[in-house]
């Protein structure tokens, strides 16, 4: 039985062309900064985001956490949207590793300038120092929502005016680009640090990057080493990331189309409620979501139960329109 895996936008295996690029990678010791393929990836990524430099790391969680620690001190407060990945899905690392507390605001992954203004703690020794704002774009938990661009500009301008630093959790930033036509560099421009994932919709097997200034790279590099992220001949992995940046960004529009196809099919089912997705994540409501996901798994369709009545399905490089149709047929039978 061939599985259709909607649990995340990571692929089962690299494409043949990506595997060929990995096999041919020129490698060195990245701990010493001597892996030429890693260096090319970092330079290409920084250029795509309009930043001075970038650092290759094993995972998106590490990318977020070293960025967070580079911008803060223990005891500081970070303002983030409710259900942000950096707060909800990173094993409490912000508190455990960085001593940072989170101030949660907004709904569905976004918030406005007025909400931000109210969330900044007074400059009084009784309060934690509000040090930074972190924005996740697109926002995973809310179904891949794009943070509205003009609202983002208002929020970041206020943060700057109040002396706050800015981090962009752009694990799926390329999806925001594909959905809006606004280039990633424009989304990234106001931020001190930007993390992006290569192993989400871009289809690389491993890796994320953090982009920032050259001055901040020394701190980020030390934090990467401290958290065990220094790798040796990492060019084998970086080659996949380079291939993904060069060949898989524009095709994200296909994933978005497949997500809309899936949502449209789900909307015809009795007992299911679903909204039109903005990007590649479909969240639909169905009573007994965990049990439904178990029945689907038994038939080769893998989805994630977010709660007792919510299911998440993510489209990606391994999911075709035909896969969506086959999955819909199975959901139709099991969701009765």
Protein backbone atom coordinates (compact mmCIF):
# COMPACT_ATOMS: atom_id res chain seq x y z
CA UNK A 1 0.00 0.00 0.00
CA UNK A 2 1.42 3.36 -1.08
CA UNK A 3 1.14 5.96 1.65
CA UNK A 4 0.07 9.54 1.07
CA UNK A 5 1.69 11.58 3.81
CA UNK A 6 0.01 14.89 4.64
CA UNK A 7 1.51 15.21 8.13
CA UNK A 8 4.09 17.85 7.17
CA UNK A 9 5.55 19.43 4.06
CA UNK A 10 8.69 17.31 4.30
CA UNK A 11 9.32 14.82 1.53
CA UNK A 12 9.95 11.10 1.86
CA UNK A 13 13.14 11.22 -0.20
CA UNK A 14 15.03 13.77 -2.32
CA UNK A 15 14.26 13.92 -6.03
CA UNK A 16 16.73 12.15 -8.36
CA UNK A 17 18.18 15.49 -9.49
CA UNK A 18 18.66 16.58 -5.88
CA UNK A 19 20.35 13.27 -5.02
CA UNK A 20 22.70 13.77 -7.96
CA UNK A 21 23.60 17.26 -6.69
CA UNK A 22 24.30 15.81 -3.25
CA UNK A 23 26.49 13.05 -4.67
CA UNK A 24 28.57 15.59 -6.59
CA UNK A 25 28.94 18.08 -3.72
CA UNK A 26 32.36 19.57 -3.07
CA UNK A 27 32.86 19.33 0.69
CA UNK A 28 35.16 20.55 3.46
CA UNK A 29 35.01 21.14 7.20
CA UNK A 30 32.16 23.53 7.96
CA UNK A 31 33.13 23.83 11.65
CA UNK A 32 36.14 25.76 10.34
CA UNK A 33 34.04 27.49 7.70
CA UNK A 34 35.84 25.53 4.98
CA UNK A 35 33.01 23.67 3.26
CA UNK A 36 32.65 25.38 -0.14
CA UNK A 37 29.13 24.13 -0.79
CA UNK A 38 27.88 25.30 2.61
CA UNK A 39 29.50 28.66 1.97
CA UNK A 40 27.78 28.94 -1.42
CA UNK A 41 24.42 28.06 0.14
CA UNK A 42 24.85 30.64 2.89
CA UNK A 43 25.82 33.33 0.40
CA UNK A 44 22.94 32.48 -1.94
CA UNK A 45 20.42 32.45 0.88
CA UNK A 46 21.59 35.77 2.31
CA UNK A 47 21.42 37.33 -1.14
CA UNK A 48 17.86 36.05 -1.68
CA UNK A 49 16.78 37.72 1.57
CA UNK A 50 18.78 40.91 1.15
CA UNK A 51 20.85 40.19 4.25
CA UNK A 52 24.61 40.40 4.75
CA UNK A 53 25.25 36.81 5.83
CA UNK A 54 23.62 33.51 6.74
CA UNK A 55 24.37 30.38 8.75
CA UNK A 56 23.40 26.78 7.90
CA UNK A 57 21.96 24.76 10.80
CA UNK A 58 20.47 21.27 11.11
CA UNK A 59 16.89 22.24 11.99
CA UNK A 60 14.30 24.99 12.08
CA UNK A 61 14.06 24.76 15.86
CA UNK A 62 17.78 25.39 16.20
CA UNK A 63 17.53 28.28 13.73
CA UNK A 64 14.80 29.93 15.79
CA UNK A 65 16.47 29.30 19.13
CA UNK A 66 19.91 30.61 18.27
CA UNK A 67 18.29 33.66 16.69
CA UNK A 68 16.22 34.20 19.83
CA UNK A 69 19.27 33.88 22.08
CA UNK A 70 21.31 36.22 19.89
CA UNK A 71 18.68 38.93 20.37
CA UNK A 72 17.99 38.55 24.09
CA UNK A 73 19.30 37.91 27.59
CA UNK A 74 17.87 35.60 30.28
CA UNK A 75 14.83 37.23 31.85
CA UNK A 76 13.81 39.12 28.73
CA UNK A 77 10.31 38.91 27.24
CA UNK A 78 9.52 38.16 23.60
CA UNK A 79 6.17 39.09 22.08
CA UNK A 80 4.79 36.42 19.74
CA UNK A 81 1.45 35.46 18.25
CA UNK A 82 -0.60 32.84 20.06
CA UNK A 83 0.31 29.28 19.06
CA UNK A 84 3.59 30.42 17.50
CA UNK A 85 5.90 27.54 16.66
CA UNK A 86 8.77 29.13 18.61
CA UNK A 87 6.59 28.96 21.74
CA UNK A 88 4.40 25.90 21.23
CA UNK A 89 6.44 23.35 19.31
CA UNK A 90 10.08 23.77 20.38
CA UNK A 91 10.08 21.85 23.67
CA UNK A 92 10.23 24.95 25.84
CA UNK A 93 13.67 25.81 24.47
CA UNK A 94 13.14 29.57 24.71
CA UNK A 95 12.80 29.29 28.48
CA UNK A 96 15.17 26.36 29.04
CA UNK A 97 18.06 27.54 26.85
CA UNK A 98 17.58 31.29 26.64
CA UNK A 99 15.69 32.17 29.80
CA UNK A 100 13.15 34.03 27.66
CA UNK A 101 9.48 34.36 28.60
CA UNK A 102 6.83 34.72 25.91
CA UNK A 103 4.02 37.24 25.85
CA UNK A 104 1.29 35.83 23.58
CA UNK A 105 -1.01 38.15 21.62
CA UNK A 106 -3.22 38.19 18.55
CA UNK A 107 -5.29 35.55 16.80
CA UNK A 108 -4.68 33.24 13.84
CA UNK A 109 -0.99 34.02 13.75
CA UNK A 110 -1.26 37.79 13.40
CA UNK A 111 -1.70 40.93 15.49
CA UNK A 112 -1.86 44.66 14.99
CA UNK A 113 0.11 47.66 16.17
CA UNK A 114 -2.40 48.47 18.92
CA UNK A 115 -2.13 44.94 20.35
CA UNK A 116 1.64 45.14 20.23
CA UNK A 117 1.67 48.51 21.95
CA UNK A 118 -0.45 47.13 24.81
CA UNK A 119 1.80 44.08 25.19
CA UNK A 120 5.06 45.99 25.75
CA UNK A 121 5.84 45.90 29.45
CA UNK A 122 6.52 49.17 31.29
CA UNK A 123 10.15 50.17 31.66
CA UNK A 124 10.07 49.33 35.34
CA UNK A 125 12.32 46.95 37.28
CA UNK A 126 9.28 44.97 38.45
CA UNK A 127 8.66 43.75 34.90
CA UNK A 128 10.58 41.63 32.46
CA UNK A 129 12.28 43.71 29.81
CA UNK A 130 10.37 43.43 26.55
CA UNK A 131 13.27 42.89 24.20
CA UNK A 132 11.95 41.57 20.90
CA UNK A 133 9.02 40.66 18.66
CA UNK A 134 8.94 37.37 16.78
CA UNK A 135 6.60 36.86 13.82
CA UNK A 136 5.88 33.50 12.16
CA UNK A 137 5.10 33.76 8.46
CA UNK A 138 3.35 31.69 7.30
CA UNK A 139 1.72 30.64 10.58
CA UNK A 140 1.57 26.87 10.94
CA UNK A 141 -1.04 26.37 13.64
CA UNK A 142 -3.61 28.66 12.03
CA UNK A 143 -3.43 26.75 8.76
CA UNK A 144 -0.55 28.36 6.89
CA UNK A 145 -1.91 31.89 7.13
CA UNK A 146 0.11 34.75 5.69
CA UNK A 147 0.74 37.69 8.03
CA UNK A 148 -0.84 40.61 6.10
CA UNK A 149 2.02 42.62 4.59
CA UNK A 150 0.79 46.12 5.44
CA UNK A 151 -0.01 45.08 9.00
CA UNK A 152 3.43 43.55 9.30
CA UNK A 153 4.97 46.85 8.22
CA UNK A 154 2.95 48.72 10.85
CA UNK A 155 3.95 46.26 13.56
CA UNK A 156 7.65 46.28 12.70
CA UNK A 157 7.75 50.07 12.45
CA UNK A 158 6.22 50.36 15.92
CA UNK A 159 8.65 47.80 17.29
CA UNK A 160 11.58 49.77 15.89
CA UNK A 161 10.22 53.01 17.30
CA UNK A 162 10.03 51.37 20.74
CA UNK A 163 13.58 50.04 20.52
CA UNK A 164 12.63 46.38 20.10
CA UNK A 165 14.51 43.80 18.05
CA UNK A 166 12.76 41.65 15.43
CA UNK A 167 12.93 37.97 14.48
CA UNK A 168 11.10 36.39 11.56
CA UNK A 169 10.34 32.69 11.84
CA UNK A 170 10.13 32.22 8.10
CA UNK A 171 10.16 28.43 8.04
CA UNK A 172 7.57 28.73 5.27
CA UNK A 173 8.49 32.21 4.06
CA UNK A 174 8.69 31.02 0.45
CA UNK A 175 5.02 30.02 0.73
CA UNK A 176 4.18 33.60 1.69
CA UNK A 177 6.10 34.74 -1.37
CA UNK A 178 4.26 32.28 -3.61
CA UNK A 179 0.85 33.24 -2.20
CA UNK A 180 1.27 37.02 -2.44
CA UNK A 181 3.87 37.68 -5.13
CA UNK A 182 5.78 39.75 -2.57
CA UNK A 183 9.43 38.72 -2.70
CA UNK A 184 10.96 37.08 0.35
CA UNK A 185 13.48 39.92 0.68
CA UNK A 186 10.66 42.44 1.15
CA UNK A 187 9.09 40.29 3.87
CA UNK A 188 12.50 39.90 5.54
CA UNK A 189 13.68 43.52 5.26
CA UNK A 190 12.62 44.87 8.70
CA UNK A 191 13.99 41.92 10.71
CA UNK A 192 17.26 41.56 12.60
CA UNK A 193 17.24 37.78 12.15
CA UNK A 194 15.33 35.57 9.71
CA UNK A 195 15.09 31.79 9.82
CA UNK A 196 13.94 29.70 6.86
CA UNK A 197 13.55 25.96 6.42
CA UNK A 198 14.91 24.00 3.48
CA UNK A 199 13.21 20.75 4.49
CA UNK A 200 9.66 22.05 4.43
CA UNK A 201 8.06 22.77 1.06
CA UNK A 202 11.39 23.15 -0.69
CA UNK A 203 12.00 19.42 -0.42
CA UNK A 204 15.56 19.23 0.93
CA UNK A 205 16.15 16.33 3.36
CA UNK A 206 17.73 18.40 6.16
CA UNK A 207 18.47 21.95 7.17
CA UNK A 208 17.50 25.53 7.87
CA UNK A 209 19.34 28.83 7.76
CA UNK A 210 19.48 32.02 9.79
CA UNK A 211 20.18 35.28 7.99
CA UNK A 212 21.35 38.45 9.70
CA UNK A 213 24.21 40.94 9.72
CA UNK A 214 27.86 39.91 9.54
CA UNK A 215 28.34 41.35 13.01
CA UNK A 216 25.69 39.06 14.49
CA UNK A 217 27.07 35.97 12.72
CA UNK A 218 29.85 35.52 15.27
CA UNK A 219 27.27 35.22 18.06
CA UNK A 220 25.04 32.94 15.99
CA UNK A 221 27.97 30.71 15.09
CA UNK A 222 28.93 30.33 18.76
CA UNK A 223 25.34 29.51 19.72
CA UNK A 224 25.11 26.93 16.95
CA UNK A 225 28.24 25.25 18.29
CA UNK A 226 26.92 25.42 21.86
CA UNK A 227 23.71 23.66 20.84
CA UNK A 228 25.51 20.92 18.94
CA UNK A 229 24.83 22.21 15.46
CA UNK A 230 28.39 22.28 14.13
CA UNK A 231 28.71 19.81 11.25
CA UNK A 232 31.74 18.68 9.28
CA UNK A 233 31.28 17.71 5.62
CA UNK A 234 27.87 19.33 5.56
CA UNK A 235 28.18 20.27 1.90
CA UNK A 236 26.38 17.03 1.04
CA UNK A 237 23.30 18.47 2.75
CA UNK A 238 23.94 22.03 1.61
CA UNK A 239 23.95 20.86 -2.01
CA UNK A 240 20.36 19.72 -1.57
CA UNK A 241 19.51 23.12 -0.12
CA UNK A 242 21.10 24.93 -3.05
CA UNK A 243 19.18 22.77 -5.49
CA UNK A 244 15.96 23.46 -3.60
CA UNK A 245 16.49 27.23 -3.67
CA UNK A 246 17.23 27.14 -7.38
CA UNK A 247 14.47 24.74 -8.50
CA UNK A 248 11.72 24.33 -5.92
CA UNK A 249 10.61 27.83 -4.91
CA UNK A 250 8.36 28.58 -7.90
CA UNK A 251 6.74 25.15 -7.78
CA UNK A 252 5.26 25.96 -4.33
CA UNK A 253 2.29 27.36 -6.24
CA UNK A 254 1.48 23.74 -7.17
CA UNK A 255 1.27 22.82 -3.49
CA UNK A 256 -1.11 25.72 -2.90
CA UNK A 257 -3.31 24.56 -5.77
CA UNK A 258 -3.36 21.03 -4.38
CA UNK A 259 -4.32 22.37 -0.95
CA UNK A 260 -7.26 24.26 -2.47
CA UNK A 261 -8.27 21.10 -4.35
CA UNK A 262 -8.20 19.13 -1.10
CA UNK A 263 -10.18 21.78 0.78
CA UNK A 264 -12.80 22.01 -1.96
CA UNK A 265 -13.30 18.24 -1.84
CA UNK A 266 -13.51 18.18 1.95
CA UNK A 267 -16.10 20.95 1.89
CA UNK A 268 -18.53 18.61 0.10
CA UNK A 269 -18.46 16.04 2.90
CA UNK A 270 -21.13 15.80 5.56
CA UNK A 271 -19.85 16.59 9.05
CA UNK A 272 -16.74 18.38 7.77
CA UNK A 273 -16.11 22.13 7.89
CA UNK A 274 -13.12 23.68 6.18
CA UNK A 275 -11.92 27.11 5.05
CA UNK A 276 -10.14 27.85 1.78
CA UNK A 277 -6.40 27.63 2.55
CA UNK A 278 -4.10 30.57 1.88
CA UNK A 279 -1.04 28.39 1.22
CA UNK A 280 -0.30 24.66 1.58
CA UNK A 281 -1.93 23.78 4.92
CA UNK A 282 -5.53 22.62 5.21
CA UNK A 283 -7.18 22.49 8.65
CA UNK A 284 -10.62 20.93 8.73
CA UNK A 285 -13.08 20.18 11.52
CA UNK A 286 -14.57 16.76 12.14
CA UNK A 287 -15.86 15.24 15.37
CA UNK A 288 -13.50 12.57 16.67
CA UNK A 289 -10.47 13.80 14.75
CA UNK A 290 -7.92 11.45 16.43
CA UNK A 291 -10.02 8.38 15.65
CA UNK A 292 -10.51 9.55 12.08
CA UNK A 293 -6.75 9.96 11.65
CA UNK A 294 -6.21 6.41 12.91
CA UNK A 295 -8.72 5.03 10.39
CA UNK A 296 -7.07 7.02 7.60
CA UNK A 297 -3.62 5.76 8.63
CA UNK A 298 -4.80 2.17 8.35
CA UNK A 299 -5.66 2.92 4.72
CA UNK A 300 -2.42 4.72 3.92
CA UNK A 301 -3.48 8.35 4.33
CA UNK A 302 -1.48 10.15 7.03
CA UNK A 303 -2.89 13.33 8.56
CA UNK A 304 -2.40 14.99 11.96
CA UNK A 305 -5.04 15.50 14.63
CA UNK A 306 -4.54 18.99 16.07
CA UNK A 307 -7.26 18.55 18.69
CA UNK A 308 -10.35 16.48 19.36
CA UNK A 309 -12.12 17.96 16.35
CA UNK A 310 -9.41 19.41 14.09
CA UNK A 311 -7.23 17.72 11.46
CA UNK A 312 -4.26 19.19 9.60
CA UNK A 313 -3.22 18.15 6.11
CA UNK A 314 -0.17 19.63 4.36
CA UNK A 315 0.55 19.43 0.64
CA UNK A 316 4.10 19.23 -0.66
CA UNK A 317 6.46 17.93 -3.34
CA UNK A 318 5.45 14.29 -2.77
CA UNK A 319 1.70 14.96 -3.12
CA UNK A 320 0.17 15.15 -6.60
CA UNK A 321 -3.34 16.12 -7.69
CA UNK A 322 -4.03 12.40 -8.16
CA UNK A 323 -2.89 11.76 -4.58
CA UNK A 324 -5.30 14.43 -3.36
CA UNK A 325 -8.17 12.80 -5.23
CA UNK A 326 -7.32 9.35 -3.89
CA UNK A 327 -7.06 10.70 -0.35
CA UNK A 328 -10.41 12.46 -0.70
CA UNK A 329 -12.07 9.22 -1.74
CA UNK A 330 -10.74 7.51 1.38
CA UNK A 331 -11.67 10.42 3.68
CA UNK A 332 -15.18 10.37 2.21
CA UNK A 333 -15.57 6.74 3.27
CA UNK A 334 -13.95 7.06 6.71
CA UNK A 335 -15.48 10.37 7.78
CA UNK A 336 -19.07 9.10 7.68
